[in-house]
Amino acid sequence: TFEQDFEGYRIYRSTDPDLAKEKWELLTPELLKTNTFQDTKVESGKTYFYYLTATDKAGNVSELSEVVSDSIR
């Protein structure tokens, strides 16, 4: 099953949702092993966009997730 083969996530961020996905900033160079993440390097007044990928134990990377956004006040 996927859960047994799951290794971790990589999270990517951009302030421009139209930027090519391969140019987005990688926030988790080490695979994230939990399903929670707090982005602490943000600026007030900006909107940030995120997507993630999942990696299995064999190193296979999933398709990109949907893009989500958050505005910092």
PDB file of N, CA and C in Angstrom:
ATOM      1  N   THR A   1       0.836  -1.197   0.000  1.00  0.00           N
ATOM      2  CA  THR A   1       0.000   0.000   0.000  1.00  0.00           C
ATOM      3  C   THR A   1       0.872   1.249   0.000  1.00  0.00           C
ATOM      4  N   PHE A   2       0.241   2.358  -0.311  1.00  0.00           N
ATOM      5  CA  PHE A   2       0.974   3.631  -0.373  1.00  0.00           C
ATOM      6  C   PHE A   2       1.585   3.991   0.973  1.00  0.00           C
ATOM      7  N   GLU A   3       0.828   3.826   2.079  1.00  0.00           N
ATOM      8  CA  GLU A   3       1.317   4.220   3.396  1.00  0.00           C
ATOM      9  C   GLU A   3       2.609   3.498   3.755  1.00  0.00           C
ATOM     10  N   GLN A   4       2.720   2.222   3.424  1.00  0.00           N
ATOM     11  CA  GLN A   4       3.913   1.463   3.763  1.00  0.00           C
ATOM     12  C   GLN A   4       5.091   1.866   2.884  1.00  0.00           C
ATOM     13  N   ASP A   5       4.812   2.367   1.705  1.00  0.00           N
ATOM     14  CA  ASP A   5       5.856   2.719   0.758  1.00  0.00           C
ATOM     15  C   ASP A   5       6.204   4.211   0.804  1.00  0.00           C
ATOM     16  N   PHE A   6       5.449   4.984   1.564  1.00  0.00           N
ATOM     17  CA  PHE A   6       5.615   6.432   1.630  1.00  0.00           C
ATOM     18  C   PHE A   6       6.912   6.812   2.334  1.00  0.00           C
ATOM     19  N   GLU A   7       7.655   7.744   1.737  1.00  0.00           N
ATOM     20  CA  GLU A   7       8.911   8.201   2.338  1.00  0.00           C
ATOM     21  C   GLU A   7       8.790   9.628   2.871  1.00  0.00           C
ATOM     22  N   GLY A   8       8.148  10.539   2.113  1.00  0.00           N
ATOM     23  CA  GLY A   8       8.024  11.913   2.605  1.00  0.00           C
ATOM     24  C   GLY A   8       7.526  12.863   1.527  1.00  0.00           C
ATOM     25  N   TYR A   9       7.409  14.131   1.913  1.00  0.00           N
ATOM     26  CA  TYR A   9       6.921  15.186   1.022  1.00  0.00           C
ATOM     27  C   TYR A   9       8.014  16.204   0.734  1.00  0.00           C
ATOM     28  N   ARG A  10       7.872  16.886  -0.392  1.00  0.00           N
ATOM     29  CA  ARG A  10       8.638  18.092  -0.679  1.00  0.00           C
ATOM     30  C   ARG A  10       7.619  19.204  -0.921  1.00  0.00           C
ATOM     31  N   ILE A  11       7.848  20.353  -0.313  1.00  0.00           N
ATOM     32  CA  ILE A  11       6.930  21.477  -0.426  1.00  0.00           C
ATOM     33  C   ILE A  11       7.627  22.605  -1.169  1.00  0.00           C
ATOM     34  N   TYR A  12       6.897  23.211  -2.103  1.00  0.00           N
ATOM     35  CA  TYR A  12       7.424  24.290  -2.943  1.00  0.00           C
ATOM     36  C   TYR A  12       6.559  25.532  -2.762  1.00  0.00           C
ATOM     37  N   ARG A  13       7.200  26.725  -2.894  1.00  0.00           N
ATOM     38  CA  ARG A  13       6.491  27.984  -2.683  1.00  0.00           C
ATOM     39  C   ARG A  13       6.862  29.005  -3.751  1.00  0.00           C
ATOM     40  N   SER A  14       5.887  29.887  -4.048  1.00  0.00           N
ATOM     41  CA  SER A  14       6.113  31.007  -4.952  1.00  0.00           C
ATOM     42  C   SER A  14       5.160  32.134  -4.575  1.00  0.00           C
ATOM     43  N   THR A  15       5.541  33.362  -4.909  1.00  0.00           N
ATOM     44  CA  THR A  15       4.600  34.480  -4.771  1.00  0.00           C
ATOM     45  C   THR A  15       3.907  34.741  -6.098  1.00  0.00           C
ATOM     46  N   ASP A  16       4.293  34.012  -7.138  1.00  0.00           N
ATOM     47  CA  ASP A  16       3.708  34.158  -8.473  1.00  0.00           C
ATOM     48  C   ASP A  16       3.136  32.813  -8.906  1.00  0.00           C
ATOM     49  N   PRO A  17       1.800  32.669  -8.916  1.00  0.00           N
ATOM     50  CA  PRO A  17       1.219  31.375  -9.255  1.00  0.00           C
ATOM     51  C   PRO A  17       1.448  30.977 -10.713  1.00  0.00           C
ATOM     52  N   ASP A  18       1.825  31.922 -11.564  1.00  0.00           N
ATOM     53  CA  ASP A  18       2.039  31.629 -12.981  1.00  0.00           C
ATOM     54  C   ASP A  18       3.486  31.274 -13.306  1.00  0.00           C
ATOM     55  N   LEU A  19       4.383  31.368 -12.324  1.00  0.00           N
ATOM     56  CA  LEU A  19       5.784  30.995 -12.527  1.00  0.00           C
ATOM     57  C   LEU A  19       5.859  29.504 -12.835  1.00  0.00           C
ATOM     58  N   ALA A  20       6.720  29.116 -13.762  1.00  0.00           N
ATOM     59  CA  ALA A  20       6.892  27.695 -14.087  1.00  0.00           C
ATOM     60  C   ALA A  20       7.207  26.919 -12.805  1.00  0.00           C
ATOM     61  N   LYS A  21       6.523  25.794 -12.614  1.00  0.00           N
ATOM     62  CA  LYS A  21       6.636  25.038 -11.350  1.00  0.00           C
ATOM     63  C   LYS A  21       8.074  24.645 -11.013  1.00  0.00           C
ATOM     64  N   GLU A  22       8.894  24.376 -12.023  1.00  0.00           N
ATOM     65  CA  GLU A  22      10.275  23.980 -11.724  1.00  0.00           C
ATOM     66  C   GLU A  22      11.104  25.140 -11.179  1.00  0.00           C
ATOM     67  N   LYS A  23      10.574  26.360 -11.227  1.00  0.00           N
ATOM     68  CA  LYS A  23      11.286  27.531 -10.710  1.00  0.00           C
ATOM     69  C   LYS A  23      10.817  27.933  -9.309  1.00  0.00           C
ATOM     70  N   TRP A  24       9.825  27.235  -8.768  1.00  0.00           N
ATOM     71  CA  TRP A  24       9.340  27.553  -7.426  1.00  0.00           C
ATOM     72  C   TRP A  24      10.410  27.186  -6.399  1.00  0.00           C
ATOM     73  N   GLU A  25      10.415  27.864  -5.265  1.00  0.00           N
ATOM     74  CA  GLU A  25      11.390  27.628  -4.201  1.00  0.00           C
ATOM     75  C   GLU A  25      11.066  26.344  -3.453  1.00  0.00           C
ATOM     76  N   LEU A  26      12.059  25.477  -3.315  1.00  0.00           N
ATOM     77  CA  LEU A  26      11.913  24.246  -2.533  1.00  0.00           C
ATOM     78  C   LEU A  26      12.095  24.593  -1.060  1.00  0.00           C
ATOM     79  N   LEU A  27      11.065  24.375  -0.247  1.00  0.00           N
ATOM     80  CA  LEU A  27      11.124  24.711   1.179  1.00  0.00           C
ATOM     81  C   LEU A  27      11.615  23.560   2.037  1.00  0.00           C
ATOM     82  N   THR A  28      11.575  22.342   1.512  1.00  0.00           N
ATOM     83  CA  THR A  28      11.933  21.160   2.304  1.00  0.00           C
ATOM     84  C   THR A  28      12.968  20.320   1.554  1.00  0.00           C
ATOM     85  N   PRO A  29      14.242  20.748   1.579  1.00  0.00           N
ATOM     86  CA  PRO A  29      15.268  19.962   0.878  1.00  0.00           C
ATOM     87  C   PRO A  29      15.360  18.519   1.410  1.00  0.00           C
ATOM     88  N   GLU A  30      15.156  18.358   2.705  1.00  0.00           N
ATOM     89  CA  GLU A  30      15.047  17.019   3.285  1.00  0.00           C
ATOM     90  C   GLU A  30      13.573  16.636   3.214  1.00  0.00           C
ATOM     91  N   LEU A  31      13.276  15.389   2.896  1.00  0.00           N
ATOM     92  CA  LEU A  31      11.881  14.965   2.816  1.00  0.00           C
ATOM     93  C   LEU A  31      11.168  15.203   4.140  1.00  0.00           C
ATOM     94  N   LEU A  32      10.017  15.819   4.076  1.00  0.00           N
ATOM     95  CA  LEU A  32       9.189  16.064   5.247  1.00  0.00           C
ATOM     96  C   LEU A  32       8.438  14.782   5.577  1.00  0.00           C
ATOM     97  N   LYS A  33       8.606  14.282   6.794  1.00  0.00           N
ATOM     98  CA  LYS A  33       8.042  12.981   7.169  1.00  0.00           C
ATOM     99  C   LYS A  33       6.677  13.103   7.840  1.00  0.00           C
ATOM    100  N   THR A  34       6.238  14.334   8.145  1.00  0.00           N
ATOM    101  CA  THR A  34       4.947  14.536   8.796  1.00  0.00           C
ATOM    102  C   THR A  34       3.985  15.199   7.816  1.00  0.00           C
ATOM    103  N   ASN A  35       2.723  15.291   8.201  1.00  0.00           N
ATOM    104  CA  ASN A  35       1.748  15.928   7.324  1.00  0.00           C
ATOM    105  C   ASN A  35       1.422  17.357   7.766  1.00  0.00           C
ATOM    106  N   THR A  36       2.315  17.965   8.548  1.00  0.00           N
ATOM    107  CA  THR A  36       2.158  19.370   8.930  1.00  0.00           C
ATOM    108  C   THR A  36       3.449  20.115   8.600  1.00  0.00           C
ATOM    109  N   PHE A  37       3.294  21.388   8.256  1.00  0.00           N
ATOM    110  CA  PHE A  37       4.454  22.222   7.930  1.00  0.00           C
ATOM    111  C   PHE A  37       4.084  23.675   8.211  1.00  0.00           C
ATOM    112  N   GLN A  38       4.984  24.402   8.855  1.00  0.00           N
ATOM    113  CA  GLN A  38       4.764  25.822   9.105  1.00  0.00           C
ATOM    114  C   GLN A  38       5.836  26.613   8.383  1.00  0.00           C
ATOM    115  N   ASP A  39       5.404  27.478   7.485  1.00  0.00           N
ATOM    116  CA  ASP A  39       6.326  28.330   6.725  1.00  0.00           C
ATOM    117  C   ASP A  39       6.601  29.567   7.575  1.00  0.00           C
ATOM    118  N   THR A  40       7.803  29.672   8.105  1.00  0.00           N
ATOM    119  CA  THR A  40       8.132  30.768   9.013  1.00  0.00           C
ATOM    120  C   THR A  40       8.843  31.923   8.320  1.00  0.00           C
ATOM    121  N   LYS A  41       9.196  31.775   7.062  1.00  0.00           N
ATOM    122  CA  LYS A  41       9.925  32.830   6.345  1.00  0.00           C
ATOM    123  C   LYS A  41       8.995  33.526   5.357  1.00  0.00           C
ATOM    124  N   VAL A  42       8.012  34.235   5.922  1.00  0.00           N
ATOM    125  CA  VAL A  42       7.029  34.940   5.106  1.00  0.00           C
ATOM    126  C   VAL A  42       7.000  36.411   5.505  1.00  0.00           C
ATOM    127  N   GLU A  43       6.477  37.236   4.608  1.00  0.00           N
ATOM    128  CA  GLU A  43       6.375  38.666   4.849  1.00  0.00           C
ATOM    129  C   GLU A  43       4.915  39.088   4.882  1.00  0.00           C
ATOM    130  N   SER A  44       4.604  39.981   5.805  1.00  0.00           N
ATOM    131  CA  SER A  44       3.257  40.512   5.930  1.00  0.00           C
ATOM    132  C   SER A  44       2.835  41.211   4.641  1.00  0.00           C
ATOM    133  N   GLY A  45       1.572  41.048   4.276  1.00  0.00           N
ATOM    134  CA  GLY A  45       1.037  41.713   3.099  1.00  0.00           C
ATOM    135  C   GLY A  45       1.219  40.954   1.797  1.00  0.00           C
ATOM    136  N   LYS A  46       1.873  39.800   1.839  1.00  0.00           N
ATOM    137  CA  LYS A  46       2.096  39.013   0.625  1.00  0.00           C
ATOM    138  C   LYS A  46       1.204  37.788   0.600  1.00  0.00           C
ATOM    139  N   THR A  47       0.905  37.327  -0.600  1.00  0.00           N
ATOM    140  CA  THR A  47       0.201  36.059  -0.786  1.00  0.00           C
ATOM    141  C   THR A  47       1.202  35.040  -1.307  1.00  0.00           C
ATOM    142  N   TYR A  48       1.214  33.878  -0.696  1.00  0.00           N
ATOM    143  CA  TYR A  48       2.126  32.803  -1.075  1.00  0.00           C
ATOM    144  C   TYR A  48       1.328  31.637  -1.640  1.00  0.00           C
ATOM    145  N   PHE A  49       1.920  30.977  -2.615  1.00  0.00           N
ATOM    146  CA  PHE A  49       1.310  29.829  -3.273  1.00  0.00           C
ATOM    147  C   PHE A  49       2.197  28.615  -3.031  1.00  0.00           C
ATOM    148  N   TYR A  50       1.579  27.467  -2.806  1.00  0.00           N
ATOM    149  CA  TYR A  50       2.306  26.250  -2.454  1.00  0.00           C
ATOM    150  C   TYR A  50       1.793  25.055  -3.257  1.00  0.00           C
ATOM    151  N   TYR A  51       2.696  24.112  -3.508  1.00  0.00           N
ATOM    152  CA  TYR A  51       2.291  22.785  -3.966  1.00  0.00           C
ATOM    153  C   TYR A  51       3.259  21.785  -3.347  1.00  0.00           C
ATOM    154  N   LEU A  52       2.904  20.525  -3.385  1.00  0.00           N
ATOM    155  CA  LEU A  52       3.801  19.508  -2.830  1.00  0.00           C
ATOM    156  C   LEU A  52       3.836  18.289  -3.731  1.00  0.00           C
ATOM    157  N   THR A  53       4.874  17.496  -3.508  1.00  0.00           N
ATOM    158  CA  THR A  53       4.982  16.187  -4.135  1.00  0.00           C
ATOM    159  C   THR A  53       5.242  15.176  -3.029  1.00  0.00           C
ATOM    160  N   ALA A  54       4.872  13.932  -3.278  1.00  0.00           N
ATOM    161  CA  ALA A  54       5.151  12.835  -2.356  1.00  0.00           C
ATOM    162  C   ALA A  54       6.184  11.929  -3.013  1.00  0.00           C
ATOM    163  N   THR A  55       7.042  11.354  -2.187  1.00  0.00           N
ATOM    164  CA  THR A  55       8.090  10.454  -2.679  1.00  0.00           C
ATOM    165  C   THR A  55       7.962   9.121  -1.944  1.00  0.00           C
ATOM    166  N   ASP A  56       8.122   8.015  -2.693  1.00  0.00           N
ATOM    167  CA  ASP A  56       8.073   6.705  -2.047  1.00  0.00           C
ATOM    168  C   ASP A  56       9.488   6.225  -1.731  1.00  0.00           C
ATOM    169  N   LYS A  57       9.574   5.095  -1.083  1.00  0.00           N
ATOM    170  CA  LYS A  57      10.880   4.569  -0.642  1.00  0.00           C
ATOM    171  C   LYS A  57      11.815   4.245  -1.803  1.00  0.00           C
ATOM    172  N   ALA A  58      11.274   4.018  -2.997  1.00  0.00           N
ATOM    173  CA  ALA A  58      12.097   3.744  -4.173  1.00  0.00           C
ATOM    174  C   ALA A  58      12.560   5.032  -4.854  1.00  0.00           C
ATOM    175  N   GLY A  59      12.109   6.193  -4.345  1.00  0.00           N
ATOM    176  CA  GLY A  59      12.505   7.465  -4.937  1.00  0.00           C
ATOM    177  C   GLY A  59      11.574   7.975  -6.021  1.00  0.00           C
ATOM    178  N   ASN A  60      10.460   7.278  -6.250  1.00  0.00           N
ATOM    179  CA  ASN A  60       9.482   7.727  -7.230  1.00  0.00           C
ATOM    180  C   ASN A  60       8.738   8.941  -6.695  1.00  0.00           C
ATOM    181  N   VAL A  61       8.562   9.951  -7.537  1.00  0.00           N
ATOM    182  CA  VAL A  61       7.916  11.197  -7.129  1.00  0.00           C
ATOM    183  C   VAL A  61       6.525  11.259  -7.750  1.00  0.00           C
ATOM    184  N   SER A  62       5.556  11.674  -6.945  1.00  0.00           N
ATOM    185  CA  SER A  62       4.171  11.770  -7.409  1.00  0.00           C
ATOM    186  C   SER A  62       3.997  12.942  -8.374  1.00  0.00           C
ATOM    187  N   GLU A  63       2.804  13.015  -8.949  1.00  0.00           N
ATOM    188  CA  GLU A  63       2.409  14.200  -9.700  1.00  0.00           C
ATOM    189  C   GLU A  63       2.334  15.371  -8.719  1.00  0.00           C
ATOM    190  N   LEU A  64       2.350  16.585  -9.235  1.00  0.00           N
ATOM    191  CA  LEU A  64       2.242  17.771  -8.383  1.00  0.00           C
ATOM    192  C   LEU A  64       0.838  17.857  -7.794  1.00  0.00           C
ATOM    193  N   SER A  65       0.760  18.302  -6.552  1.00  0.00           N
ATOM    194  CA  SER A  65      -0.544  18.515  -5.942  1.00  0.00           C
ATOM    195  C   SER A  65      -1.199  19.753  -6.551  1.00  0.00           C
ATOM    196  N   GLU A  66      -2.436  20.005  -6.163  1.00  0.00           N
ATOM    197  CA  GLU A  66      -3.067  21.266  -6.531  1.00  0.00           C
ATOM    198  C   GLU A  66      -2.337  22.395  -5.815  1.00  0.00           C
ATOM    199  N   VAL A  67      -2.371  23.586  -6.397  1.00  0.00           N
ATOM    200  CA  VAL A  67      -1.758  24.759  -5.777  1.00  0.00           C
ATOM    201  C   VAL A  67      -2.748  25.343  -4.773  1.00  0.00           C
ATOM    202  N   VAL A  68      -2.247  25.674  -3.587  1.00  0.00           N
ATOM    203  CA  VAL A  68      -3.042  26.352  -2.576  1.00  0.00           C
ATOM    204  C   VAL A  68      -2.353  27.667  -2.233  1.00  0.00           C
ATOM    205  N   SER A  69      -3.102  28.615  -1.679  1.00  0.00           N
ATOM    206  CA  SER A  69      -2.514  29.908  -1.351  1.00  0.00           C
ATOM    207  C   SER A  69      -2.856  30.304   0.071  1.00  0.00           C
ATOM    208  N   ASP A  70      -2.051  31.234   0.603  1.00  0.00           N
ATOM    209  CA  ASP A  70      -2.298  31.797   1.908  1.00  0.00           C
ATOM    210  C   ASP A  70      -1.796  33.231   1.900  1.00  0.00           C
ATOM    211  N   SER A  71      -2.588  34.128   2.446  1.00  0.00           N
ATOM    212  CA  SER A  71      -2.194  35.540   2.544  1.00  0.00           C
ATOM    213  C   SER A  71      -1.758  35.830   3.954  1.00  0.00           C
ATOM    214  N   ILE A  72      -0.642  36.529   4.068  1.00  0.00           N
ATOM    215  CA  ILE A  72      -0.091  36.871   5.382  1.00  0.00           C
ATOM    216  C   ILE A  72      -0.473  38.313   5.687  1.00  0.00           C
ATOM    217  N   ARG A  73      -1.066  38.518   6.836  1.00  0.00           N
ATOM    218  CA  ARG A  73      -1.497  39.882   7.223  1.00  0.00           C
ATOM    219  C   ARG A  73      -0.607  40.456   8.278  1.00  0.00           C
TER     220      ARG A  73
END
